[in-house]
Amino acid sequence: MHRVLKVFVHQPEFPPNMPHLITSESDLARNSARVWMRQVLEQNGWSAAHWARMARVDPSTLTRILDPVSSQVPSATTVAKLARVAGSQPNLGSFERVQVSTVPLYIYGDAMGSVTGHFPTGYPVSEDAYAVKLTTDVMNAAGIFPGDVLIIEPIDRIAPVNGKVVLAEDMNGDQVIGRVMQPWLMPQSTGKHEPRPLDELEVMGVVVSMSRNV
């Protein structure tokens, strides 16, 4: 009987060996706030500095929150001030992860409509999450090997910022996996794999955990 090893490790943004897989609740809160703030700015035609002045918030605070690679999480006080001026508030509920028992399982390289089964998550993920069984050595130098199963959240749940391992598709519909290092999607492999320009790819989801049969 095979044991299943589930790997959930907290790592710095550019670790030397292992991938940054875990997405914390602060990641979700930050992403939710960022999406809301961008919508408010676009709908009202405001600059971040103008909104900050009206809300009596330090403009640099908004700049840090809106920065896609920033780890800044807005405080409840800041959100309340911004919401009072905007007349709306971030929809935090839509970004909460719901514990599900299984997610659809796909094989890397197959069409995403071809579900081969279901996979137990063992980790709180959204109802939109899915699993992909890897068949390539493109990330073996980062400790992700063929046969590993990756749990993936779609990009409307988790932002594909620098340092994240993501699943993408190229213009031919072929799947690609790698680490986001703007402006490239970088392989981490002992094999022959080339970096891919992100502007030629459609990022589909962010890897949040990994499982391995041992």
N, C-alpha and C. Protein backbone atom coordinates (compact mmCIF):
# COMPACT_ATOMS: atom_id res chain seq x y z
N MET A 1 0.84 -1.20 0.00
CA MET A 1 0.00 0.00 0.00
C MET A 1 0.88 1.24 0.00
N HIS A 2 0.53 2.20 -0.83
CA HIS A 2 1.29 3.43 -0.90
C HIS A 2 0.78 4.42 0.14
N ARG A 3 1.72 5.11 0.76
CA ARG A 3 1.35 6.23 1.62
C ARG A 3 1.37 7.49 0.77
N VAL A 4 0.51 8.45 1.14
CA VAL A 4 0.46 9.72 0.42
C VAL A 4 1.10 10.79 1.28
N LEU A 5 2.15 11.38 0.77
CA LEU A 5 2.82 12.47 1.45
C LEU A 5 2.26 13.77 0.95
N LYS A 6 1.70 14.58 1.84
CA LYS A 6 1.19 15.89 1.47
C LYS A 6 2.18 16.94 1.96
N VAL A 7 2.60 17.78 1.06
CA VAL A 7 3.62 18.78 1.37
C VAL A 7 2.98 20.14 1.43
N PHE A 8 3.04 20.78 2.60
CA PHE A 8 2.54 22.13 2.77
C PHE A 8 3.63 22.90 3.52
N VAL A 9 4.45 23.62 2.80
CA VAL A 9 5.59 24.26 3.42
C VAL A 9 5.57 25.75 3.16
N HIS A 10 5.87 26.54 4.21
CA HIS A 10 6.01 27.98 4.05
C HIS A 10 7.44 28.26 3.62
N GLN A 11 7.57 29.00 2.52
CA GLN A 11 8.88 29.29 1.99
C GLN A 11 8.99 30.77 1.65
N PRO A 12 10.20 31.34 1.60
CA PRO A 12 10.36 32.70 1.13
C PRO A 12 10.00 32.80 -0.34
N GLU A 13 9.91 34.05 -0.87
CA GLU A 13 9.40 34.26 -2.22
C GLU A 13 10.25 33.60 -3.29
N PHE A 14 11.59 33.55 -3.11
CA PHE A 14 12.46 32.92 -4.10
C PHE A 14 13.35 31.89 -3.40
N PRO A 15 12.76 30.74 -3.00
CA PRO A 15 13.53 29.74 -2.27
C PRO A 15 14.54 29.06 -3.18
N PRO A 16 15.66 28.59 -2.62
CA PRO A 16 16.67 27.95 -3.44
C PRO A 16 16.27 26.57 -3.94
N ASN A 17 15.45 25.85 -3.17
CA ASN A 17 15.16 24.46 -3.52
C ASN A 17 13.68 24.19 -3.72
N MET A 18 12.90 24.40 -2.65
CA MET A 18 11.50 24.01 -2.68
C MET A 18 10.61 25.16 -3.12
N PRO A 19 9.46 24.85 -3.72
CA PRO A 19 8.55 25.88 -4.19
C PRO A 19 7.77 26.52 -3.06
N HIS A 20 7.34 27.76 -3.27
CA HIS A 20 6.42 28.41 -2.35
C HIS A 20 5.02 27.96 -2.74
N LEU A 21 4.47 27.01 -1.99
CA LEU A 21 3.20 26.41 -2.38
C LEU A 21 2.03 26.93 -1.56
N ILE A 22 2.26 27.20 -0.29
CA ILE A 22 1.15 27.53 0.57
C ILE A 22 0.62 28.92 0.27
N THR A 23 -0.69 29.06 0.27
CA THR A 23 -1.34 30.36 0.18
C THR A 23 -2.10 30.55 1.48
N SER A 24 -1.73 31.56 2.24
CA SER A 24 -2.30 31.77 3.56
C SER A 24 -3.59 32.57 3.48
N GLU A 25 -4.29 32.65 4.61
CA GLU A 25 -5.50 33.46 4.65
C GLU A 25 -5.18 34.93 4.39
N SER A 26 -3.98 35.39 4.80
CA SER A 26 -3.60 36.77 4.52
C SER A 26 -3.45 37.01 3.02
N ASP A 27 -2.99 35.97 2.27
CA ASP A 27 -2.94 36.08 0.81
C ASP A 27 -4.33 36.33 0.24
N LEU A 28 -5.31 35.61 0.74
CA LEU A 28 -6.67 35.75 0.24
C LEU A 28 -7.26 37.11 0.58
N ALA A 29 -7.02 37.57 1.82
CA ALA A 29 -7.53 38.88 2.22
C ALA A 29 -6.88 39.99 1.41
N ARG A 30 -5.59 39.87 1.19
CA ARG A 30 -4.87 40.89 0.41
C ARG A 30 -5.37 40.91 -1.02
N ASN A 31 -5.58 39.73 -1.62
CA ASN A 31 -6.04 39.67 -2.99
C ASN A 31 -7.45 40.25 -3.12
N SER A 32 -8.32 39.93 -2.17
CA SER A 32 -9.68 40.45 -2.18
C SER A 32 -9.69 41.97 -2.10
N ALA A 33 -8.91 42.51 -1.18
CA ALA A 33 -8.84 43.97 -1.01
C ALA A 33 -8.29 44.63 -2.27
N ARG A 34 -7.29 44.01 -2.87
CA ARG A 34 -6.65 44.58 -4.06
C ARG A 34 -7.62 44.62 -5.24
N VAL A 35 -8.39 43.54 -5.43
CA VAL A 35 -9.37 43.49 -6.51
C VAL A 35 -10.42 44.59 -6.32
N TRP A 36 -10.92 44.71 -5.09
CA TRP A 36 -11.93 45.73 -4.78
C TRP A 36 -11.39 47.13 -5.02
N MET A 37 -10.17 47.40 -4.56
CA MET A 37 -9.58 48.72 -4.72
C MET A 37 -9.42 49.09 -6.19
N ARG A 38 -8.97 48.16 -6.99
CA ARG A 38 -8.81 48.44 -8.42
C ARG A 38 -10.15 48.71 -9.09
N GLN A 39 -11.19 47.99 -8.67
CA GLN A 39 -12.52 48.23 -9.22
C GLN A 39 -13.02 49.62 -8.86
N VAL A 40 -12.80 50.03 -7.61
CA VAL A 40 -13.23 51.36 -7.17
C VAL A 40 -12.50 52.45 -7.95
N LEU A 41 -11.20 52.31 -8.11
CA LEU A 41 -10.41 53.30 -8.83
C LEU A 41 -10.87 53.41 -10.29
N GLU A 42 -11.11 52.24 -10.92
CA GLU A 42 -11.52 52.25 -12.32
C GLU A 42 -12.92 52.83 -12.50
N GLN A 43 -13.85 52.44 -11.63
CA GLN A 43 -15.24 52.89 -11.77
C GLN A 43 -15.39 54.39 -11.52
N ASN A 44 -14.55 54.94 -10.63
CA ASN A 44 -14.66 56.35 -10.28
C ASN A 44 -13.66 57.24 -11.01
N GLY A 45 -12.71 56.63 -11.71
CA GLY A 45 -11.69 57.42 -12.39
C GLY A 45 -10.75 58.13 -11.43
N TRP A 46 -10.59 57.57 -10.24
CA TRP A 46 -9.72 58.17 -9.23
C TRP A 46 -8.29 57.67 -9.39
N SER A 47 -7.37 58.46 -8.91
CA SER A 47 -6.01 57.97 -8.67
C SER A 47 -5.94 57.46 -7.24
N ALA A 48 -4.95 56.63 -6.97
CA ALA A 48 -4.79 56.13 -5.59
C ALA A 48 -4.54 57.28 -4.63
N ALA A 49 -3.77 58.28 -5.06
CA ALA A 49 -3.47 59.42 -4.20
C ALA A 49 -4.73 60.22 -3.88
N HIS A 50 -5.61 60.39 -4.89
CA HIS A 50 -6.86 61.14 -4.67
C HIS A 50 -7.75 60.43 -3.66
N TRP A 51 -7.90 59.11 -3.83
CA TRP A 51 -8.72 58.33 -2.89
C TRP A 51 -8.13 58.39 -1.49
N ALA A 52 -6.83 58.29 -1.41
CA ALA A 52 -6.18 58.34 -0.10
C ALA A 52 -6.44 59.68 0.60
N ARG A 53 -6.36 60.78 -0.16
CA ARG A 53 -6.61 62.10 0.44
C ARG A 53 -8.04 62.22 0.95
N MET A 54 -9.00 61.75 0.15
CA MET A 54 -10.40 61.83 0.57
C MET A 54 -10.66 60.98 1.82
N ALA A 55 -9.99 59.83 1.90
CA ALA A 55 -10.20 58.91 3.02
C ALA A 55 -9.28 59.23 4.21
N ARG A 56 -8.39 60.21 4.01
CA ARG A 56 -7.41 60.56 5.05
C ARG A 56 -6.55 59.35 5.44
N VAL A 57 -6.05 58.73 4.38
CA VAL A 57 -5.15 57.59 4.52
C VAL A 57 -3.82 57.96 3.86
N ASP A 58 -2.72 57.47 4.39
CA ASP A 58 -1.41 57.73 3.80
C ASP A 58 -1.39 57.16 2.38
N PRO A 59 -1.12 57.99 1.34
CA PRO A 59 -1.10 57.49 -0.04
C PRO A 59 -0.14 56.32 -0.24
N SER A 60 0.97 56.31 0.51
CA SER A 60 1.93 55.21 0.34
C SER A 60 1.33 53.88 0.79
N THR A 61 0.34 53.93 1.70
CA THR A 61 -0.31 52.70 2.14
C THR A 61 -1.08 52.07 0.98
N LEU A 62 -1.83 52.90 0.22
CA LEU A 62 -2.56 52.39 -0.93
C LEU A 62 -1.61 51.86 -1.99
N THR A 63 -0.52 52.57 -2.19
CA THR A 63 0.46 52.13 -3.19
C THR A 63 1.00 50.76 -2.86
N ARG A 64 1.32 50.53 -1.58
CA ARG A 64 1.86 49.23 -1.17
C ARG A 64 0.81 48.13 -1.32
N ILE A 65 -0.44 48.42 -0.96
CA ILE A 65 -1.49 47.40 -1.06
C ILE A 65 -1.74 47.02 -2.51
N LEU A 66 -1.71 48.01 -3.41
CA LEU A 66 -1.99 47.77 -4.82
C LEU A 66 -0.82 47.12 -5.55
N ASP A 67 0.36 47.18 -4.98
CA ASP A 67 1.54 46.57 -5.61
C ASP A 67 1.36 45.05 -5.65
N PRO A 68 1.35 44.42 -6.84
CA PRO A 68 1.08 42.98 -6.94
C PRO A 68 2.10 42.09 -6.25
N VAL A 69 3.29 42.60 -5.96
CA VAL A 69 4.30 41.78 -5.28
C VAL A 69 4.46 42.18 -3.82
N SER A 70 3.59 43.07 -3.34
CA SER A 70 3.69 43.51 -1.95
C SER A 70 3.01 42.52 -1.02
N SER A 71 3.50 42.43 0.21
CA SER A 71 2.87 41.58 1.22
C SER A 71 1.99 42.39 2.16
N GLN A 72 1.77 43.67 1.83
CA GLN A 72 0.98 44.56 2.67
C GLN A 72 -0.48 44.10 2.72
N VAL A 73 -1.00 43.94 3.93
CA VAL A 73 -2.41 43.61 4.13
C VAL A 73 -3.07 44.81 4.79
N PRO A 74 -4.16 45.36 4.21
CA PRO A 74 -4.78 46.56 4.79
C PRO A 74 -5.39 46.25 6.15
N SER A 75 -5.25 47.19 7.05
CA SER A 75 -5.86 47.03 8.37
C SER A 75 -7.36 47.27 8.27
N ALA A 76 -8.09 46.83 9.29
CA ALA A 76 -9.53 47.03 9.31
C ALA A 76 -9.86 48.53 9.31
N THR A 77 -9.03 49.33 9.99
CA THR A 77 -9.25 50.78 10.03
C THR A 77 -9.09 51.39 8.65
N THR A 78 -8.04 50.97 7.93
CA THR A 78 -7.81 51.50 6.58
C THR A 78 -8.95 51.13 5.65
N VAL A 79 -9.39 49.87 5.70
CA VAL A 79 -10.49 49.43 4.85
C VAL A 79 -11.76 50.23 5.16
N ALA A 80 -12.02 50.47 6.44
CA ALA A 80 -13.23 51.21 6.83
C ALA A 80 -13.19 52.64 6.28
N LYS A 81 -12.04 53.28 6.34
CA LYS A 81 -11.91 54.65 5.82
C LYS A 81 -12.10 54.68 4.31
N LEU A 82 -11.49 53.74 3.62
CA LEU A 82 -11.62 53.68 2.17
C LEU A 82 -13.06 53.36 1.75
N ALA A 83 -13.69 52.43 2.47
CA ALA A 83 -15.05 52.02 2.15
C ALA A 83 -16.05 53.16 2.36
N ARG A 84 -15.82 53.96 3.38
CA ARG A 84 -16.73 55.07 3.66
C ARG A 84 -16.76 56.07 2.50
N VAL A 85 -15.60 56.31 1.90
CA VAL A 85 -15.52 57.23 0.76
C VAL A 85 -16.05 56.57 -0.51
N ALA A 86 -15.73 55.29 -0.69
CA ALA A 86 -16.09 54.58 -1.92
C ALA A 86 -17.56 54.20 -1.98
N GLY A 87 -18.18 54.07 -0.81
CA GLY A 87 -19.58 53.64 -0.78
C GLY A 87 -19.74 52.16 -1.02
N SER A 88 -18.67 51.41 -0.87
CA SER A 88 -18.70 49.95 -1.01
C SER A 88 -17.58 49.38 -0.17
N GLN A 89 -17.51 48.07 -0.10
CA GLN A 89 -16.45 47.43 0.67
C GLN A 89 -16.03 46.14 -0.01
N PRO A 90 -14.81 45.65 0.30
CA PRO A 90 -14.36 44.42 -0.34
C PRO A 90 -15.24 43.24 0.01
N ASN A 91 -15.51 42.40 -1.00
CA ASN A 91 -16.34 41.22 -0.79
C ASN A 91 -15.47 40.08 -0.31
N LEU A 92 -15.11 40.14 0.97
CA LEU A 92 -14.19 39.14 1.52
C LEU A 92 -14.77 37.73 1.44
N GLY A 93 -16.08 37.63 1.53
CA GLY A 93 -16.70 36.30 1.54
C GLY A 93 -16.45 35.53 0.26
N SER A 94 -16.37 36.24 -0.87
CA SER A 94 -16.20 35.54 -2.14
C SER A 94 -14.82 34.95 -2.30
N PHE A 95 -13.89 35.36 -1.42
CA PHE A 95 -12.53 34.85 -1.53
C PHE A 95 -12.19 33.87 -0.41
N GLU A 96 -13.18 33.56 0.45
CA GLU A 96 -12.92 32.60 1.50
C GLU A 96 -12.84 31.20 0.91
N ARG A 97 -11.90 30.42 1.42
CA ARG A 97 -11.77 29.05 0.92
C ARG A 97 -12.72 28.14 1.68
N VAL A 98 -13.39 27.29 0.97
CA VAL A 98 -14.33 26.35 1.57
C VAL A 98 -13.68 24.98 1.59
N GLN A 99 -13.73 24.31 2.74
CA GLN A 99 -13.15 22.98 2.82
C GLN A 99 -13.98 22.01 2.01
N VAL A 100 -13.37 21.42 1.00
CA VAL A 100 -14.04 20.40 0.19
C VAL A 100 -13.28 19.10 0.35
N SER A 101 -14.00 18.00 0.20
CA SER A 101 -13.37 16.70 0.44
C SER A 101 -12.54 16.24 -0.75
N THR A 102 -12.98 16.59 -1.96
CA THR A 102 -12.25 16.20 -3.16
C THR A 102 -12.32 17.31 -4.20
N VAL A 103 -11.36 17.28 -5.13
CA VAL A 103 -11.38 18.22 -6.25
C VAL A 103 -11.19 17.41 -7.53
N PRO A 104 -11.63 17.93 -8.69
CA PRO A 104 -11.43 17.22 -9.96
C PRO A 104 -9.95 17.00 -10.23
N LEU A 105 -9.59 15.84 -10.74
CA LEU A 105 -8.21 15.49 -11.05
C LEU A 105 -8.02 15.42 -12.56
N TYR A 106 -7.00 16.13 -13.05
CA TYR A 106 -6.63 16.12 -14.46
C TYR A 106 -5.20 15.61 -14.60
N ILE A 107 -4.85 15.17 -15.78
CA ILE A 107 -3.49 14.77 -16.08
C ILE A 107 -2.82 15.91 -16.84
N TYR A 108 -1.65 16.30 -16.42
CA TYR A 108 -0.92 17.38 -17.08
C TYR A 108 -0.77 17.07 -18.57
N GLY A 109 -1.15 18.03 -19.39
CA GLY A 109 -1.06 17.85 -20.83
C GLY A 109 -2.38 17.49 -21.47
N ASP A 110 -3.33 16.94 -20.67
CA ASP A 110 -4.65 16.63 -21.21
C ASP A 110 -5.52 17.88 -21.24
N ALA A 111 -6.55 17.87 -22.06
CA ALA A 111 -7.50 18.97 -22.08
C ALA A 111 -8.16 19.10 -20.71
N MET A 112 -8.38 20.35 -20.26
CA MET A 112 -8.90 20.57 -18.92
C MET A 112 -10.33 20.07 -18.76
N GLY A 113 -10.99 19.72 -19.85
CA GLY A 113 -12.33 19.15 -19.74
C GLY A 113 -12.31 17.67 -19.45
N SER A 114 -11.12 17.04 -19.49
CA SER A 114 -11.01 15.59 -19.35
C SER A 114 -10.70 15.22 -17.90
N VAL A 115 -11.73 15.14 -17.07
CA VAL A 115 -11.54 14.77 -15.67
C VAL A 115 -11.28 13.27 -15.59
N THR A 116 -10.19 12.89 -14.92
CA THR A 116 -9.85 11.48 -14.81
C THR A 116 -10.27 10.87 -13.48
N GLY A 117 -10.77 11.69 -12.59
CA GLY A 117 -11.18 11.22 -11.28
C GLY A 117 -11.27 12.39 -10.32
N HIS A 118 -11.22 12.08 -9.03
CA HIS A 118 -11.24 13.12 -8.01
C HIS A 118 -10.15 12.83 -7.00
N PHE A 119 -9.65 13.91 -6.38
CA PHE A 119 -8.50 13.78 -5.50
C PHE A 119 -8.80 14.45 -4.17
N PRO A 120 -8.50 13.78 -3.04
CA PRO A 120 -8.73 14.39 -1.72
C PRO A 120 -7.75 15.54 -1.48
N THR A 121 -8.28 16.66 -1.03
CA THR A 121 -7.43 17.84 -0.89
C THR A 121 -6.54 17.78 0.35
N GLY A 122 -7.12 17.45 1.49
CA GLY A 122 -6.35 17.46 2.73
C GLY A 122 -5.94 18.85 3.14
N TYR A 123 -6.53 19.88 2.53
CA TYR A 123 -6.14 21.26 2.78
C TYR A 123 -7.32 22.14 2.38
N PRO A 124 -7.63 23.19 3.14
CA PRO A 124 -8.79 24.01 2.79
C PRO A 124 -8.58 24.77 1.49
N VAL A 125 -9.39 24.45 0.50
CA VAL A 125 -9.31 25.10 -0.80
C VAL A 125 -10.70 25.53 -1.23
N SER A 126 -10.77 26.39 -2.22
CA SER A 126 -12.07 26.86 -2.70
C SER A 126 -12.75 25.77 -3.51
N GLU A 127 -14.02 25.96 -3.73
CA GLU A 127 -14.79 25.00 -4.53
C GLU A 127 -14.38 25.02 -6.00
N ASP A 128 -13.60 26.02 -6.39
CA ASP A 128 -13.13 26.12 -7.78
C ASP A 128 -11.75 25.49 -7.97
N ALA A 129 -11.16 24.98 -6.90
CA ALA A 129 -9.83 24.39 -7.00
C ALA A 129 -9.88 23.07 -7.78
N TYR A 130 -8.73 22.65 -8.28
CA TYR A 130 -8.63 21.39 -8.99
C TYR A 130 -7.23 20.82 -8.83
N ALA A 131 -7.06 19.56 -9.20
CA ALA A 131 -5.77 18.88 -9.06
C ALA A 131 -5.24 18.49 -10.43
N VAL A 132 -3.93 18.56 -10.58
CA VAL A 132 -3.28 18.16 -11.83
C VAL A 132 -2.12 17.21 -11.49
N LYS A 133 -2.12 16.04 -12.12
CA LYS A 133 -1.03 15.08 -11.93
C LYS A 133 0.07 15.39 -12.94
N LEU A 134 1.26 15.67 -12.43
CA LEU A 134 2.36 16.11 -13.27
C LEU A 134 2.97 14.94 -14.04
N THR A 135 3.35 15.20 -15.29
CA THR A 135 3.99 14.17 -16.12
C THR A 135 5.30 14.68 -16.72
N THR A 136 5.84 15.77 -16.18
CA THR A 136 7.04 16.39 -16.72
C THR A 136 8.05 16.66 -15.61
N ASP A 137 9.33 16.77 -15.98
CA ASP A 137 10.38 17.07 -15.01
C ASP A 137 10.71 18.56 -14.99
N VAL A 138 9.80 19.41 -15.50
CA VAL A 138 10.09 20.83 -15.66
C VAL A 138 10.36 21.54 -14.33
N MET A 139 9.92 20.95 -13.19
CA MET A 139 10.14 21.58 -11.88
C MET A 139 10.88 20.65 -10.93
N ASN A 140 11.61 19.64 -11.46
CA ASN A 140 12.22 18.65 -10.56
C ASN A 140 13.33 19.24 -9.68
N ALA A 141 13.98 20.31 -10.14
CA ALA A 141 15.02 20.93 -9.32
C ALA A 141 14.43 21.70 -8.15
N ALA A 142 13.12 21.93 -8.18
CA ALA A 142 12.43 22.58 -7.07
C ALA A 142 11.72 21.56 -6.18
N GLY A 143 11.97 20.26 -6.44
CA GLY A 143 11.38 19.22 -5.62
C GLY A 143 9.98 18.82 -6.04
N ILE A 144 9.58 19.15 -7.26
CA ILE A 144 8.28 18.75 -7.80
C ILE A 144 8.54 17.80 -8.95
N PHE A 145 8.13 16.52 -8.80
CA PHE A 145 8.53 15.47 -9.73
C PHE A 145 7.35 14.91 -10.52
N PRO A 146 7.63 14.24 -11.65
CA PRO A 146 6.57 13.53 -12.37
C PRO A 146 5.84 12.57 -11.43
N GLY A 147 4.52 12.56 -11.51
CA GLY A 147 3.70 11.75 -10.62
C GLY A 147 3.15 12.51 -9.45
N ASP A 148 3.75 13.66 -9.11
CA ASP A 148 3.22 14.49 -8.04
C ASP A 148 1.88 15.09 -8.46
N VAL A 149 0.99 15.25 -7.50
CA VAL A 149 -0.31 15.86 -7.77
C VAL A 149 -0.32 17.26 -7.16
N LEU A 150 -0.61 18.26 -7.98
CA LEU A 150 -0.61 19.65 -7.57
C LEU A 150 -2.05 20.13 -7.39
N ILE A 151 -2.33 20.77 -6.26
CA ILE A 151 -3.62 21.38 -6.02
C ILE A 151 -3.52 22.84 -6.48
N ILE A 152 -4.47 23.26 -7.32
CA ILE A 152 -4.37 24.55 -7.98
C ILE A 152 -5.64 25.37 -7.74
N GLU A 153 -5.43 26.64 -7.40
CA GLU A 153 -6.53 27.60 -7.28
C GLU A 153 -6.54 28.49 -8.52
N PRO A 154 -7.71 28.81 -9.08
CA PRO A 154 -7.76 29.71 -10.23
C PRO A 154 -7.29 31.11 -9.86
N ILE A 155 -6.89 31.89 -10.87
CA ILE A 155 -6.26 33.18 -10.61
C ILE A 155 -7.24 34.24 -10.11
N ASP A 156 -8.55 34.00 -10.20
CA ASP A 156 -9.46 34.95 -9.59
C ASP A 156 -9.57 34.72 -8.09
N ARG A 157 -8.97 33.65 -7.62
CA ARG A 157 -8.88 33.38 -6.19
C ARG A 157 -7.52 33.77 -5.63
N ILE A 158 -6.46 33.41 -6.35
CA ILE A 158 -5.09 33.68 -5.90
C ILE A 158 -4.36 34.39 -7.03
N ALA A 159 -3.74 35.52 -6.73
CA ALA A 159 -3.02 36.27 -7.75
C ALA A 159 -1.70 35.57 -8.09
N PRO A 160 -1.36 35.45 -9.37
CA PRO A 160 -0.11 34.78 -9.79
C PRO A 160 1.08 35.74 -9.73
N VAL A 161 1.45 36.16 -8.52
CA VAL A 161 2.51 37.14 -8.36
C VAL A 161 3.88 36.47 -8.44
N ASN A 162 4.92 37.29 -8.49
CA ASN A 162 6.29 36.77 -8.56
C ASN A 162 6.56 35.75 -7.46
N GLY A 163 7.21 34.66 -7.84
CA GLY A 163 7.57 33.61 -6.90
C GLY A 163 6.58 32.47 -6.84
N LYS A 164 5.35 32.69 -7.35
CA LYS A 164 4.34 31.63 -7.31
C LYS A 164 4.60 30.61 -8.42
N VAL A 165 4.31 29.34 -8.12
CA VAL A 165 4.33 28.29 -9.14
C VAL A 165 2.94 28.24 -9.76
N VAL A 166 2.87 28.31 -11.09
CA VAL A 166 1.57 28.41 -11.76
C VAL A 166 1.45 27.41 -12.90
N LEU A 167 0.20 27.13 -13.27
CA LEU A 167 -0.12 26.36 -14.47
C LEU A 167 -0.63 27.32 -15.51
N ALA A 168 -0.10 27.22 -16.74
CA ALA A 168 -0.50 28.13 -17.81
C ALA A 168 -0.72 27.35 -19.09
N GLU A 169 -1.29 28.02 -20.09
CA GLU A 169 -1.44 27.45 -21.43
C GLU A 169 -0.81 28.40 -22.43
N ASP A 170 -0.16 27.83 -23.45
CA ASP A 170 0.39 28.68 -24.50
C ASP A 170 -0.66 28.88 -25.61
N MET A 171 -0.28 29.57 -26.67
CA MET A 171 -1.23 29.91 -27.72
C MET A 171 -1.72 28.69 -28.49
N ASN A 172 -1.01 27.56 -28.36
CA ASN A 172 -1.43 26.33 -29.02
C ASN A 172 -2.30 25.45 -28.13
N GLY A 173 -2.55 25.93 -26.91
CA GLY A 173 -3.35 25.15 -25.97
C GLY A 173 -2.55 24.15 -25.17
N ASP A 174 -1.21 24.18 -25.30
CA ASP A 174 -0.36 23.26 -24.55
C ASP A 174 -0.13 23.81 -23.14
N GLN A 175 -0.12 22.92 -22.15
CA GLN A 175 0.06 23.33 -20.77
C GLN A 175 1.54 23.54 -20.44
N VAL A 176 1.76 24.51 -19.57
CA VAL A 176 3.12 24.84 -19.13
C VAL A 176 3.05 25.08 -17.63
N ILE A 177 4.06 24.63 -16.91
CA ILE A 177 4.13 24.90 -15.48
C ILE A 177 5.50 25.50 -15.19
N GLY A 178 5.54 26.41 -14.23
CA GLY A 178 6.80 27.04 -13.88
C GLY A 178 6.58 28.08 -12.78
N ARG A 179 7.67 28.76 -12.45
CA ARG A 179 7.60 29.79 -11.42
C ARG A 179 7.56 31.16 -12.07
N VAL A 180 6.66 32.02 -11.61
CA VAL A 180 6.55 33.37 -12.14
C VAL A 180 7.74 34.20 -11.67
N MET A 181 8.51 34.68 -12.62
CA MET A 181 9.59 35.63 -12.38
C MET A 181 9.53 36.63 -13.52
N GLN A 182 8.69 37.63 -13.33
CA GLN A 182 8.41 38.60 -14.39
C GLN A 182 9.68 39.05 -15.11
N PRO A 183 9.63 39.08 -16.46
CA PRO A 183 8.50 38.80 -17.35
C PRO A 183 8.46 37.37 -17.86
N TRP A 184 9.03 36.43 -17.09
CA TRP A 184 9.17 35.05 -17.56
C TRP A 184 8.41 34.07 -16.68
N LEU A 185 8.06 32.94 -17.28
CA LEU A 185 7.67 31.76 -16.53
C LEU A 185 8.88 30.84 -16.57
N MET A 186 9.49 30.61 -15.41
CA MET A 186 10.78 29.94 -15.35
C MET A 186 10.64 28.46 -14.97
N PRO A 187 11.27 27.56 -15.72
CA PRO A 187 11.39 26.17 -15.28
C PRO A 187 12.44 26.08 -14.18
N GLN A 188 12.36 25.05 -13.38
CA GLN A 188 13.42 24.75 -12.41
C GLN A 188 13.71 23.26 -12.55
N SER A 189 14.58 22.95 -13.50
CA SER A 189 14.73 21.57 -13.92
C SER A 189 16.17 21.22 -14.23
N THR A 190 16.48 19.94 -14.06
CA THR A 190 17.78 19.42 -14.50
C THR A 190 17.72 19.04 -15.98
N GLY A 191 16.52 19.08 -16.56
CA GLY A 191 16.35 18.77 -17.98
C GLY A 191 16.46 20.02 -18.84
N LYS A 192 16.13 19.87 -20.10
CA LYS A 192 16.24 20.97 -21.05
C LYS A 192 14.87 21.62 -21.23
N HIS A 193 14.63 22.67 -20.48
CA HIS A 193 13.39 23.43 -20.57
C HIS A 193 13.74 24.91 -20.60
N GLU A 194 13.10 25.64 -21.49
CA GLU A 194 13.42 27.04 -21.67
C GLU A 194 12.41 27.93 -20.94
N PRO A 195 12.85 29.09 -20.45
CA PRO A 195 11.89 30.08 -19.91
C PRO A 195 10.89 30.47 -20.99
N ARG A 196 9.67 30.80 -20.57
CA ARG A 196 8.63 31.21 -21.51
C ARG A 196 8.18 32.63 -21.17
N PRO A 197 8.02 33.50 -22.17
CA PRO A 197 7.51 34.86 -21.90
C PRO A 197 6.07 34.79 -21.39
N LEU A 198 5.81 35.44 -20.27
CA LEU A 198 4.47 35.40 -19.69
C LEU A 198 3.42 36.03 -20.60
N ASP A 199 3.84 37.01 -21.40
CA ASP A 199 2.86 37.67 -22.25
C ASP A 199 2.42 36.79 -23.42
N GLU A 200 3.03 35.62 -23.56
CA GLU A 200 2.61 34.66 -24.59
C GLU A 200 1.83 33.50 -23.98
N LEU A 201 1.52 33.60 -22.69
CA LEU A 201 0.84 32.52 -21.98
C LEU A 201 -0.42 33.04 -21.30
N GLU A 202 -1.36 32.13 -21.08
CA GLU A 202 -2.53 32.43 -20.26
C GLU A 202 -2.39 31.65 -18.96
N VAL A 203 -2.17 32.37 -17.86
CA VAL A 203 -2.03 31.73 -16.57
C VAL A 203 -3.40 31.28 -16.10
N MET A 204 -3.51 30.01 -15.77
CA MET A 204 -4.80 29.42 -15.41
C MET A 204 -4.98 29.28 -13.91
N GLY A 205 -3.92 29.01 -13.18
CA GLY A 205 -4.07 28.82 -11.74
C GLY A 205 -2.74 28.81 -11.02
N VAL A 206 -2.82 28.93 -9.70
CA VAL A 206 -1.66 29.00 -8.83
C VAL A 206 -1.61 27.74 -7.97
N VAL A 207 -0.45 27.11 -7.92
CA VAL A 207 -0.26 25.90 -7.11
C VAL A 207 -0.24 26.28 -5.63
N VAL A 208 -1.10 25.62 -4.83
CA VAL A 208 -1.16 25.92 -3.40
C VAL A 208 -0.70 24.75 -2.53
N SER A 209 -0.64 23.54 -3.09
CA SER A 209 -0.11 22.41 -2.32
C SER A 209 0.24 21.28 -3.27
N MET A 210 0.93 20.27 -2.72
CA MET A 210 1.41 19.16 -3.52
C MET A 210 1.29 17.87 -2.74
N SER A 211 0.94 16.78 -3.41
CA SER A 211 0.86 15.47 -2.79
C SER A 211 1.71 14.48 -3.59
N ARG A 212 2.28 13.51 -2.87
CA ARG A 212 3.15 12.53 -3.53
C ARG A 212 2.94 11.15 -2.94
N ASN A 213 2.81 10.14 -3.77
CA ASN A 213 2.76 8.77 -3.28
C ASN A 213 4.16 8.30 -2.93
N VAL A 214 4.33 7.79 -1.72
CA VAL A 214 5.66 7.32 -1.29
C VAL A 214 5.52 5.90 -0.70
